[in-house]
Amino acid sequence: MRIGVIGGSGIYAMEGLENVREERVSTPFGDPSDAVILGTLGGVEMAFLPRHGRGHRFNPTEVNYRANIYALKTLGVEWLISVSAVGSLKAEIVPGHVVVVDQYIDRTVNRKSTFFEDGIVAHVAFGDPVCPTLRGILLESARAAGGTVHDGGTYVCMEGPAFSSKAESNLHRSWGASVIGMTNMPEAKLAREAEMSYASLAMATDYDCWHPDHDHVTVDQVIAVLHANASLARQAIINAVPKIVAYGKPSPQSSALAMAIMTQPTLISTETRRRLAPLIGKYHPA
């Protein structure tokens, strides 16, 4: 078993990480955002991937989500923790707070959101898009790390890279959403297709642009709060690792594809079986 972490590069200076090395992974979907950082934490195998590449080279639309998730899958990741900067859509979610989200609204329009195409179709269940087991672990772990943590909330994923207009921000608030970000979709969908248990620590950096008593969000503001939150995120992950290990069973999403692949097996080509072997090999060997 390996635990994966995907997010900004600030969370990777993990205290206690040993046997650190890098591995570049090629995938049928192109290159991941960067080399994967591998190591052990308390004897547990870990894999870290900077979502935007080190130095923040890829905007949210340019991130190759399929390659990122596929690469982590090939490295044996079963549990995937996302750390994400978000804007708050509620007054009680103050910049610096953490939301352990339980729902998503996908407003992206320019991203590849499935591994299943070109001769194979799968429809994974996504009514509960976050693994409840991992979400519960992250909730406990972030609180133990000293954060002000909100239990549940809806994350609106917008295309970006520009921040919201006031009209958009108020629309999202009218939906009852809690936070807005640019990266958790299609990441969460792809993780489900890859049979990973996925959950997100959404780190509020600002009030988007809806709040009348706060300036509109700026990059400097986001970075300042992100730096302040980096140590909290790292400690939450350190706290979560032994809890995940203690679960002691395959991850709860480890059979997400069992009833999802719709294509008649005789019509799935050998090339497709090889391309998707890390995902579908146990159901449809090459």
C-alpha atoms as a PDB file:
ATOM      1  CA  MET A   1       0.000   0.000   0.000  1.00  0.00           C
ATOM      2  CA  ARG A   2       1.139   3.524  -0.738  1.00  0.00           C
ATOM      3  CA  ILE A   3      -0.435   6.816   0.361  1.00  0.00           C
ATOM      4  CA  GLY A   4      -0.380   9.670  -2.135  1.00  0.00           C
ATOM      5  CA  VAL A   5      -0.446  13.419  -1.590  1.00  0.00           C
ATOM      6  CA  ILE A   6      -1.137  15.897  -4.361  1.00  0.00           C
ATOM      7  CA  GLY A   7      -1.043  19.672  -4.004  1.00  0.00           C
ATOM      8  CA  GLY A   8       1.256  22.666  -3.867  1.00  0.00           C
ATOM      9  CA  SER A   9       4.988  22.192  -3.500  1.00  0.00           C
ATOM     10  CA  GLY A  10       4.963  23.758  -0.005  1.00  0.00           C
ATOM     11  CA  ILE A  11       3.624  20.571   1.607  1.00  0.00           C
ATOM     12  CA  TYR A  12       6.432  18.277   0.479  1.00  0.00           C
ATOM     13  CA  ALA A  13       9.070  19.265   3.028  1.00  0.00           C
ATOM     14  CA  MET A  14       7.602  16.609   5.299  1.00  0.00           C
ATOM     15  CA  GLU A  15       9.327  16.231   8.649  1.00  0.00           C
ATOM     16  CA  GLY A  16      10.387  12.644   9.139  1.00  0.00           C
ATOM     17  CA  LEU A  17      10.254  11.661   5.456  1.00  0.00           C
ATOM     18  CA  GLU A  18      13.004   9.115   4.808  1.00  0.00           C
ATOM     19  CA  ASN A  19      14.514   7.326   1.826  1.00  0.00           C
ATOM     20  CA  VAL A  20      13.554  10.261  -0.370  1.00  0.00           C
ATOM     21  CA  ARG A  21      13.949   9.821  -4.109  1.00  0.00           C
ATOM     22  CA  GLU A  22      12.287  10.955  -7.326  1.00  0.00           C
ATOM     23  CA  GLU A  23      10.730   8.921 -10.088  1.00  0.00           C
ATOM     24  CA  ARG A  24       9.602  10.124 -13.484  1.00  0.00           C
ATOM     25  CA  VAL A  25       6.656   8.142 -14.793  1.00  0.00           C
ATOM     26  CA  SER A  26       5.548   7.954 -18.420  1.00  0.00           C
ATOM     27  CA  THR A  27       1.847   7.417 -19.061  1.00  0.00           C
ATOM     28  CA  PRO A  28      -0.364   6.835 -22.120  1.00  0.00           C
ATOM     29  CA  PHE A  29      -1.908  10.221 -21.332  1.00  0.00           C
ATOM     30  CA  GLY A  30       1.300  12.230 -21.455  1.00  0.00           C
ATOM     31  CA  ASP A  31       3.649  13.409 -18.739  1.00  0.00           C
ATOM     32  CA  PRO A  32       2.571  14.124 -15.159  1.00  0.00           C
ATOM     33  CA  SER A  33       3.094  17.610 -13.769  1.00  0.00           C
ATOM     34  CA  ASP A  34       6.502  16.655 -12.376  1.00  0.00           C
ATOM     35  CA  ALA A  35       8.572  13.800 -11.052  1.00  0.00           C
ATOM     36  CA  VAL A  36       6.895  11.961  -8.182  1.00  0.00           C
ATOM     37  CA  ILE A  37       8.658  12.324  -4.837  1.00  0.00           C
ATOM     38  CA  LEU A  38       8.814   8.962  -3.068  1.00  0.00           C
ATOM     39  CA  GLY A  39       9.758   8.238   0.514  1.00  0.00           C
ATOM     40  CA  THR A  40       8.699   6.598   3.740  1.00  0.00           C
ATOM     41  CA  LEU A  41       6.996   8.219   6.701  1.00  0.00           C
ATOM     42  CA  GLY A  42       7.115   6.102   9.824  1.00  0.00           C
ATOM     43  CA  GLY A  43       7.825   3.134   7.581  1.00  0.00           C
ATOM     44  CA  VAL A  44       4.812   3.828   5.361  1.00  0.00           C
ATOM     45  CA  GLU A  45       5.367   4.256   1.622  1.00  0.00           C
ATOM     46  CA  MET A  46       4.416   7.758   0.442  1.00  0.00           C
ATOM     47  CA  ALA A  47       4.184   9.441  -2.976  1.00  0.00           C
ATOM     48  CA  PHE A  48       4.026  13.220  -3.407  1.00  0.00           C
ATOM     49  CA  LEU A  49       3.173  15.020  -6.640  1.00  0.00           C
ATOM     50  CA  PRO A  50       3.186  18.821  -7.092  1.00  0.00           C
ATOM     51  CA  ARG A  51      -0.044  19.374  -9.016  1.00  0.00           C
ATOM     52  CA  HIS A  52       1.142  22.505 -10.823  1.00  0.00           C
ATOM     53  CA  GLY A  53       4.735  21.322 -11.181  1.00  0.00           C
ATOM     54  CA  ARG A  54       7.557  22.641  -9.048  1.00  0.00           C
ATOM     55  CA  GLY A  55       7.730  26.387  -9.497  1.00  0.00           C
ATOM     56  CA  HIS A  56       3.983  26.457 -10.349  1.00  0.00           C
ATOM     57  CA  ARG A  57       4.403  26.105 -14.111  1.00  0.00           C
ATOM     58  CA  PHE A  58       0.950  24.833 -15.130  1.00  0.00           C
ATOM     59  CA  ASN A  59      -2.296  26.732 -14.759  1.00  0.00           C
ATOM     60  CA  PRO A  60      -5.333  24.759 -13.522  1.00  0.00           C
ATOM     61  CA  THR A  61      -6.516  23.928 -17.045  1.00  0.00           C
ATOM     62  CA  GLU A  62      -3.036  22.923 -18.219  1.00  0.00           C
ATOM     63  CA  VAL A  63      -2.539  20.408 -15.393  1.00  0.00           C
ATOM     64  CA  ASN A  64      -2.530  16.930 -16.904  1.00  0.00           C
ATOM     65  CA  TYR A  65      -4.904  15.387 -14.371  1.00  0.00           C
ATOM     66  CA  ARG A  66      -5.123  12.063 -16.182  1.00  0.00           C
ATOM     67  CA  ALA A  67      -1.358  11.629 -16.294  1.00  0.00           C
ATOM     68  CA  ASN A  68      -1.046  12.632 -12.623  1.00  0.00           C
ATOM     69  CA  ILE A  69      -3.602  10.115 -11.387  1.00  0.00           C
ATOM     70  CA  TYR A  70      -2.413   7.364 -13.740  1.00  0.00           C
ATOM     71  CA  ALA A  71       1.193   7.848 -12.589  1.00  0.00           C
ATOM     72  CA  LEU A  72       0.212   7.618  -8.924  1.00  0.00           C
ATOM     73  CA  LYS A  73      -1.862   4.516  -9.683  1.00  0.00           C
ATOM     74  CA  THR A  74       1.081   2.777 -11.336  1.00  0.00           C
ATOM     75  CA  LEU A  75       3.147   3.525  -8.223  1.00  0.00           C
ATOM     76  CA  GLY A  76       0.642   1.712  -6.049  1.00  0.00           C
ATOM     77  CA  VAL A  77      -1.240   4.629  -4.500  1.00  0.00           C
ATOM     78  CA  GLU A  78      -4.513   3.455  -2.929  1.00  0.00           C
ATOM     79  CA  TRP A  79      -5.301   6.499  -0.766  1.00  0.00           C
ATOM     80  CA  LEU A  80      -4.940  10.018  -2.179  1.00  0.00           C
ATOM     81  CA  ILE A  81      -4.940  13.176  -0.060  1.00  0.00           C
ATOM     82  CA  SER A  82      -5.523  16.417  -1.943  1.00  0.00           C
ATOM     83  CA  VAL A  83      -4.334  19.716  -0.459  1.00  0.00           C
ATOM     84  CA  SER A  84      -5.924  22.668  -2.234  1.00  0.00           C
ATOM     85  CA  ALA A  85      -6.138  26.452  -1.919  1.00  0.00           C
ATOM     86  CA  VAL A  86      -9.713  27.720  -2.062  1.00  0.00           C
ATOM     87  CA  GLY A  87     -11.739  30.885  -1.689  1.00  0.00           C
ATOM     88  CA  SER A  88     -14.328  31.016   1.069  1.00  0.00           C
ATOM     89  CA  LEU A  89     -17.981  31.506   0.125  1.00  0.00           C
ATOM     90  CA  LYS A  90     -19.225  31.717   3.714  1.00  0.00           C
ATOM     91  CA  ALA A  91     -18.470  34.315   6.391  1.00  0.00           C
ATOM     92  CA  GLU A  92     -17.774  31.650   9.009  1.00  0.00           C
ATOM     93  CA  ILE A  93     -15.039  30.084   6.857  1.00  0.00           C
ATOM     94  CA  VAL A  94     -12.290  32.556   7.645  1.00  0.00           C
ATOM     95  CA  PRO A  95      -9.063  32.685   5.625  1.00  0.00           C
ATOM     96  CA  GLY A  96      -6.724  30.247   7.335  1.00  0.00           C
ATOM     97  CA  HIS A  97      -9.507  27.790   8.131  1.00  0.00           C
ATOM     98  CA  VAL A  98      -9.675  24.277   6.659  1.00  0.00           C
ATOM     99  CA  VAL A  99     -12.744  22.694   5.074  1.00  0.00           C
ATOM    100  CA  VAL A 100     -12.814  18.914   4.744  1.00  0.00           C
ATOM    101  CA  VAL A 101     -15.254  18.929   1.843  1.00  0.00           C
ATOM    102  CA  ASP A 102     -17.809  16.233   1.098  1.00  0.00           C
ATOM    103  CA  GLN A 103     -19.362  17.416  -2.190  1.00  0.00           C
ATOM    104  CA  TYR A 104     -18.352  19.037  -5.469  1.00  0.00           C
ATOM    105  CA  ILE A 105     -19.968  21.118  -8.183  1.00  0.00           C
ATOM    106  CA  ASP A 106     -17.987  20.820 -11.418  1.00  0.00           C
ATOM    107  CA  ARG A 107     -17.997  24.000 -13.522  1.00  0.00           C
ATOM    108  CA  THR A 108     -14.938  23.147 -15.605  1.00  0.00           C
ATOM    109  CA  VAL A 109     -15.348  22.982 -19.369  1.00  0.00           C
ATOM    110  CA  ASN A 110     -11.926  22.386 -20.957  1.00  0.00           C
ATOM    111  CA  ARG A 111     -10.567  19.301 -19.202  1.00  0.00           C
ATOM    112  CA  LYS A 112     -10.368  15.602 -19.959  1.00  0.00           C
ATOM    113  CA  SER A 113     -12.364  14.011 -17.148  1.00  0.00           C
ATOM    114  CA  THR A 114     -12.218  10.271 -17.817  1.00  0.00           C
ATOM    115  CA  PHE A 115      -9.809   7.499 -18.675  1.00  0.00           C
ATOM    116  CA  PHE A 116     -12.582   5.645 -20.487  1.00  0.00           C
ATOM    117  CA  GLU A 117     -12.878   6.583 -24.150  1.00  0.00           C
ATOM    118  CA  ASP A 118     -11.843   5.336 -27.590  1.00  0.00           C
ATOM    119  CA  GLY A 119     -13.605   1.980 -27.410  1.00  0.00           C
ATOM    120  CA  ILE A 120     -14.275   1.528 -23.711  1.00  0.00           C
ATOM    121  CA  VAL A 121     -16.953   3.132 -21.536  1.00  0.00           C
ATOM    122  CA  ALA A 122     -17.300   3.171 -17.757  1.00  0.00           C
ATOM    123  CA  HIS A 123     -19.742   4.993 -15.479  1.00  0.00           C
ATOM    124  CA  VAL A 124     -18.439   5.117 -11.904  1.00  0.00           C
ATOM    125  CA  ALA A 125     -20.754   5.957  -9.019  1.00  0.00           C
ATOM    126  CA  PHE A 126     -20.029   9.502  -7.869  1.00  0.00           C
ATOM    127  CA  GLY A 127     -22.973  10.486  -5.672  1.00  0.00           C
ATOM    128  CA  ASP A 128     -20.581  10.628  -2.734  1.00  0.00           C
ATOM    129  CA  PRO A 129     -17.475  11.934  -4.498  1.00  0.00           C
ATOM    130  CA  VAL A 130     -15.233  11.929  -1.441  1.00  0.00           C
ATOM    131  CA  CYS A 131     -14.255   8.725   0.348  1.00  0.00           C
ATOM    132  CA  PRO A 132     -16.050   9.002   3.723  1.00  0.00           C
ATOM    133  CA  THR A 133     -13.415   6.929   5.486  1.00  0.00           C
ATOM    134  CA  LEU A 134     -10.509   9.094   4.349  1.00  0.00           C
ATOM    135  CA  ARG A 135     -12.566  12.248   4.917  1.00  0.00           C
ATOM    136  CA  GLY A 136     -13.144  11.236   8.531  1.00  0.00           C
ATOM    137  CA  ILE A 137      -9.458  10.552   9.021  1.00  0.00           C
ATOM    138  CA  LEU A 138      -8.494  13.938   7.582  1.00  0.00           C
ATOM    139  CA  LEU A 139     -11.077  15.689   9.747  1.00  0.00           C
ATOM    140  CA  GLU A 140      -9.609  14.208  12.929  1.00  0.00           C
ATOM    141  CA  SER A 141      -6.041  14.733  11.745  1.00  0.00           C
ATOM    142  CA  ALA A 142      -6.465  18.402  10.815  1.00  0.00           C
ATOM    143  CA  ARG A 143      -8.131  19.143  14.136  1.00  0.00           C
ATOM    144  CA  ALA A 144      -5.339  17.378  15.997  1.00  0.00           C
ATOM    145  CA  ALA A 145      -2.866  19.537  14.056  1.00  0.00           C
ATOM    146  CA  GLY A 146      -4.438  22.629  15.623  1.00  0.00           C
ATOM    147  CA  GLY A 147      -6.455  23.887  12.661  1.00  0.00           C
ATOM    148  CA  THR A 148      -9.883  25.462  12.710  1.00  0.00           C
ATOM    149  CA  VAL A 149     -11.653  22.797  10.686  1.00  0.00           C
ATOM    150  CA  HIS A 150     -15.115  22.750   9.117  1.00  0.00           C
ATOM    151  CA  ASP A 151     -16.772  19.352   8.818  1.00  0.00           C
ATOM    152  CA  GLY A 152     -18.150  19.064   5.289  1.00  0.00           C
ATOM    153  CA  GLY A 153     -19.027  21.559   2.613  1.00  0.00           C
ATOM    154  CA  THR A 154     -19.441  21.853  -1.132  1.00  0.00           C
ATOM    155  CA  TYR A 155     -16.451  22.800  -3.293  1.00  0.00           C
ATOM    156  CA  VAL A 156     -17.256  24.588  -6.559  1.00  0.00           C
ATOM    157  CA  CYS A 157     -14.543  23.876  -9.117  1.00  0.00           C
ATOM    158  CA  MET A 158     -14.282  26.658 -11.696  1.00  0.00           C
ATOM    159  CA  GLU A 159     -12.160  26.668 -14.838  1.00  0.00           C
ATOM    160  CA  GLY A 160      -9.952  29.668 -14.077  1.00  0.00           C
ATOM    161  CA  PRO A 161      -7.258  30.842 -14.225  1.00  0.00           C
ATOM    162  CA  ALA A 162      -8.933  34.224 -13.551  1.00  0.00           C
ATOM    163  CA  PHE A 163     -10.684  34.552 -10.207  1.00  0.00           C
ATOM    164  CA  SER A 164     -14.488  34.899 -10.023  1.00  0.00           C
ATOM    165  CA  SER A 165     -16.559  37.913 -10.909  1.00  0.00           C
ATOM    166  CA  LYS A 166     -18.823  39.245  -8.145  1.00  0.00           C
ATOM    167  CA  ALA A 167     -21.855  37.917 -10.002  1.00  0.00           C
ATOM    168  CA  GLU A 168     -20.333  34.440 -10.197  1.00  0.00           C
ATOM    169  CA  SER A 169     -19.289  34.541  -6.556  1.00  0.00           C
ATOM    170  CA  ASN A 170     -22.778  35.496  -5.414  1.00  0.00           C
ATOM    171  CA  LEU A 171     -24.293  32.821  -7.674  1.00  0.00           C
ATOM    172  CA  HIS A 172     -22.141  30.175  -6.038  1.00  0.00           C
ATOM    173  CA  ARG A 173     -23.114  31.473  -2.603  1.00  0.00           C
ATOM    174  CA  SER A 174     -26.790  31.229  -3.561  1.00  0.00           C
ATOM    175  CA  TRP A 175     -26.229  27.517  -4.237  1.00  0.00           C
ATOM    176  CA  GLY A 176     -25.099  27.028  -0.642  1.00  0.00           C
ATOM    177  CA  ALA A 177     -21.537  26.175  -1.654  1.00  0.00           C
ATOM    178  CA  SER A 178     -18.796  26.582   0.936  1.00  0.00           C
ATOM    179  CA  VAL A 179     -15.603  27.135  -1.048  1.00  0.00           C
ATOM    180  CA  ILE A 180     -14.411  27.677  -4.605  1.00  0.00           C
ATOM    181  CA  GLY A 181     -11.253  26.372  -6.212  1.00  0.00           C
ATOM    182  CA  MET A 182      -9.789  25.404  -9.567  1.00  0.00           C
ATOM    183  CA  THR A 183      -8.200  21.960  -9.204  1.00  0.00           C
ATOM    184  CA  ASN A 184     -10.275  19.226  -7.534  1.00  0.00           C
ATOM    185  CA  MET A 185     -12.124  18.460 -10.759  1.00  0.00           C
ATOM    186  CA  PRO A 186     -11.567  16.258 -12.673  1.00  0.00           C
ATOM    187  CA  GLU A 187      -8.995  15.046 -10.154  1.00  0.00           C
ATOM    188  CA  ALA A 188     -11.604  13.500  -7.841  1.00  0.00           C
ATOM    189  CA  LYS A 189     -13.443  11.828 -10.743  1.00  0.00           C
ATOM    190  CA  LEU A 190     -10.260  10.319 -12.112  1.00  0.00           C
ATOM    191  CA  ALA A 191      -9.223   9.106  -8.670  1.00  0.00           C
ATOM    192  CA  ARG A 192     -12.555   7.288  -8.387  1.00  0.00           C
ATOM    193  CA  GLU A 193     -12.014   5.698 -11.817  1.00  0.00           C
ATOM    194  CA  ALA A 194      -8.567   4.649 -10.596  1.00  0.00           C
ATOM    195  CA  GLU A 195     -10.193   3.051  -7.521  1.00  0.00           C
ATOM    196  CA  MET A 196      -8.377   5.355  -5.103  1.00  0.00           C
ATOM    197  CA  SER A 197      -9.904   6.653  -1.902  1.00  0.00           C
ATOM    198  CA  TYR A 198      -9.724  10.439  -2.352  1.00  0.00           C
ATOM    199  CA  ALA A 199     -10.419  13.309   0.021  1.00  0.00           C
ATOM    200  CA  SER A 200      -9.399  16.942   0.142  1.00  0.00           C
ATOM    201  CA  LEU A 201      -8.096  19.413   2.679  1.00  0.00           C
ATOM    202  CA  ALA A 202      -9.427  22.699   1.290  1.00  0.00           C
ATOM    203  CA  MET A 203      -7.360  25.523   2.737  1.00  0.00           C
ATOM    204  CA  ALA A 204      -9.240  28.844   2.647  1.00  0.00           C
ATOM    205  CA  THR A 205      -6.973  31.696   1.559  1.00  0.00           C
ATOM    206  CA  ASP A 206      -9.476  34.520   0.941  1.00  0.00           C
ATOM    207  CA  TYR A 207     -13.157  35.487   0.698  1.00  0.00           C
ATOM    208  CA  ASP A 208     -13.284  35.216  -3.097  1.00  0.00           C
ATOM    209  CA  CYS A 209     -14.701  38.641  -4.123  1.00  0.00           C
ATOM    210  CA  TRP A 210     -18.180  38.614  -2.574  1.00  0.00           C
ATOM    211  CA  HIS A 211     -17.341  39.977   0.880  1.00  0.00           C
ATOM    212  CA  PRO A 212     -18.020  43.741   1.113  1.00  0.00           C
ATOM    213  CA  ASP A 213     -15.488  44.256   3.925  1.00  0.00           C
ATOM    214  CA  HIS A 214     -12.555  42.524   2.252  1.00  0.00           C
ATOM    215  CA  ASP A 215     -10.491  43.450  -0.773  1.00  0.00           C
ATOM    216  CA  HIS A 216     -10.732  41.310  -3.896  1.00  0.00           C
ATOM    217  CA  VAL A 217      -8.451  38.316  -3.845  1.00  0.00           C
ATOM    218  CA  THR A 218      -4.856  38.832  -4.981  1.00  0.00           C
ATOM    219  CA  VAL A 219      -2.031  36.399  -5.661  1.00  0.00           C
ATOM    220  CA  ASP A 220       0.047  37.905  -2.844  1.00  0.00           C
ATOM    221  CA  GLN A 221      -2.802  37.321  -0.400  1.00  0.00           C
ATOM    222  CA  VAL A 222      -3.236  33.709  -1.493  1.00  0.00           C
ATOM    223  CA  ILE A 223       0.484  32.950  -1.215  1.00  0.00           C
ATOM    224  CA  ALA A 224       0.779  34.515   2.239  1.00  0.00           C
ATOM    225  CA  VAL A 225      -2.021  32.369   3.681  1.00  0.00           C
ATOM    226  CA  LEU A 226      -0.771  29.275   1.834  1.00  0.00           C
ATOM    227  CA  HIS A 227       2.620  29.607   3.479  1.00  0.00           C
ATOM    228  CA  ALA A 228       0.960  29.953   6.868  1.00  0.00           C
ATOM    229  CA  ASN A 229      -1.145  26.849   6.196  1.00  0.00           C
ATOM    230  CA  ALA A 230       1.660  24.675   4.812  1.00  0.00           C
ATOM    231  CA  SER A 231       2.840  23.508   8.230  1.00  0.00           C
ATOM    232  CA  LEU A 232      -0.748  22.739   9.252  1.00  0.00           C
ATOM    233  CA  ALA A 233      -1.259  20.632   6.126  1.00  0.00           C
ATOM    234  CA  ARG A 234       1.993  18.771   6.703  1.00  0.00           C
ATOM    235  CA  GLN A 235       1.102  17.979  10.311  1.00  0.00           C
ATOM    236  CA  ALA A 236      -2.404  16.871   9.320  1.00  0.00           C
ATOM    237  CA  ILE A 237      -0.885  14.432   6.811  1.00  0.00           C
ATOM    238  CA  ILE A 238       1.584  13.129   9.411  1.00  0.00           C
ATOM    239  CA  ASN A 239      -1.348  12.567  11.774  1.00  0.00           C
ATOM    240  CA  ALA A 240      -3.414  10.853   9.068  1.00  0.00           C
ATOM    241  CA  VAL A 241      -0.852   8.262   7.955  1.00  0.00           C
ATOM    242  CA  PRO A 242      -1.052   5.911  10.976  1.00  0.00           C
ATOM    243  CA  LYS A 243      -4.857   6.179  10.968  1.00  0.00           C
ATOM    244  CA  ILE A 244      -4.952   5.073   7.334  1.00  0.00           C
ATOM    245  CA  VAL A 245      -2.612   2.175   8.097  1.00  0.00           C
ATOM    246  CA  ALA A 246      -4.781   1.189  11.061  1.00  0.00           C
ATOM    247  CA  TYR A 247      -7.762   0.812   8.726  1.00  0.00           C
ATOM    248  CA  GLY A 248      -6.113  -2.456   7.797  1.00  0.00           C
ATOM    249  CA  LYS A 249      -8.175  -3.306   4.725  1.00  0.00           C
ATOM    250  CA  PRO A 250      -8.152  -2.410   1.019  1.00  0.00           C
ATOM    251  CA  SER A 251      -9.197   1.184   0.505  1.00  0.00           C
ATOM    252  CA  PRO A 252     -12.998   1.643   0.443  1.00  0.00           C
ATOM    253  CA  GLN A 253     -12.936   2.599  -3.235  1.00  0.00           C
ATOM    254  CA  SER A 254     -10.786  -0.342  -4.317  1.00  0.00           C
ATOM    255  CA  SER A 255     -13.632  -1.913  -6.294  1.00  0.00           C
ATOM    256  CA  ALA A 256     -15.193   1.238  -7.763  1.00  0.00           C
ATOM    257  CA  LEU A 257     -14.923  -0.182 -11.294  1.00  0.00           C
ATOM    258  CA  ALA A 258     -16.395  -3.588 -10.493  1.00  0.00           C
ATOM    259  CA  MET A 259     -19.837  -2.722 -11.875  1.00  0.00           C
ATOM    260  CA  ALA A 260     -18.889   0.376 -13.873  1.00  0.00           C
ATOM    261  CA  ILE A 261     -17.388  -0.894 -17.145  1.00  0.00           C
ATOM    262  CA  MET A 262     -20.211  -1.075 -19.670  1.00  0.00           C
ATOM    263  CA  THR A 263     -18.383  -2.185 -22.809  1.00  0.00           C
ATOM    264  CA  GLN A 264     -18.802  -5.807 -23.849  1.00  0.00           C
ATOM    265  CA  PRO A 265     -15.510  -7.528 -22.937  1.00  0.00           C
ATOM    266  CA  THR A 266     -15.038  -9.042 -26.402  1.00  0.00           C
ATOM    267  CA  LEU A 267     -15.070  -5.518 -27.849  1.00  0.00           C
ATOM    268  CA  ILE A 268     -12.301  -4.175 -25.610  1.00  0.00           C
ATOM    269  CA  SER A 269      -9.203  -4.245 -27.776  1.00  0.00           C
ATOM    270  CA  THR A 270      -5.855  -5.606 -26.688  1.00  0.00           C
ATOM    271  CA  GLU A 271      -4.367  -2.137 -27.112  1.00  0.00           C
ATOM    272  CA  THR A 272      -6.993  -0.651 -24.779  1.00  0.00           C
ATOM    273  CA  ARG A 273      -6.432  -3.412 -22.228  1.00  0.00           C
ATOM    274  CA  ARG A 274      -2.710  -2.658 -22.268  1.00  0.00           C
ATOM    275  CA  ARG A 275      -3.208   1.109 -22.107  1.00  0.00           C
ATOM    276  CA  LEU A 276      -5.501   0.854 -19.099  1.00  0.00           C
ATOM    277  CA  ALA A 277      -3.886  -2.198 -17.468  1.00  0.00           C
ATOM    278  CA  PRO A 278      -3.177  -0.478 -14.110  1.00  0.00           C
ATOM    279  CA  LEU A 279      -6.874   0.443 -13.915  1.00  0.00           C
ATOM    280  CA  ILE A 280      -8.744  -2.484 -15.471  1.00  0.00           C
ATOM    281  CA  GLY A 281      -6.217  -5.325 -15.443  1.00  0.00           C
ATOM    282  CA  LYS A 282      -7.914  -7.202 -12.630  1.00  0.00           C
ATOM    283  CA  TYR A 283     -11.212  -7.132 -14.537  1.00  0.00           C
ATOM    284  CA  HIS A 284     -10.006  -7.380 -18.139  1.00  0.00           C
ATOM    285  CA  PRO A 285      -6.433  -8.674 -18.415  1.00  0.00           C
ATOM    286  CA  ALA A 286      -4.443  -7.817 -21.525  1.00  0.00           C
END
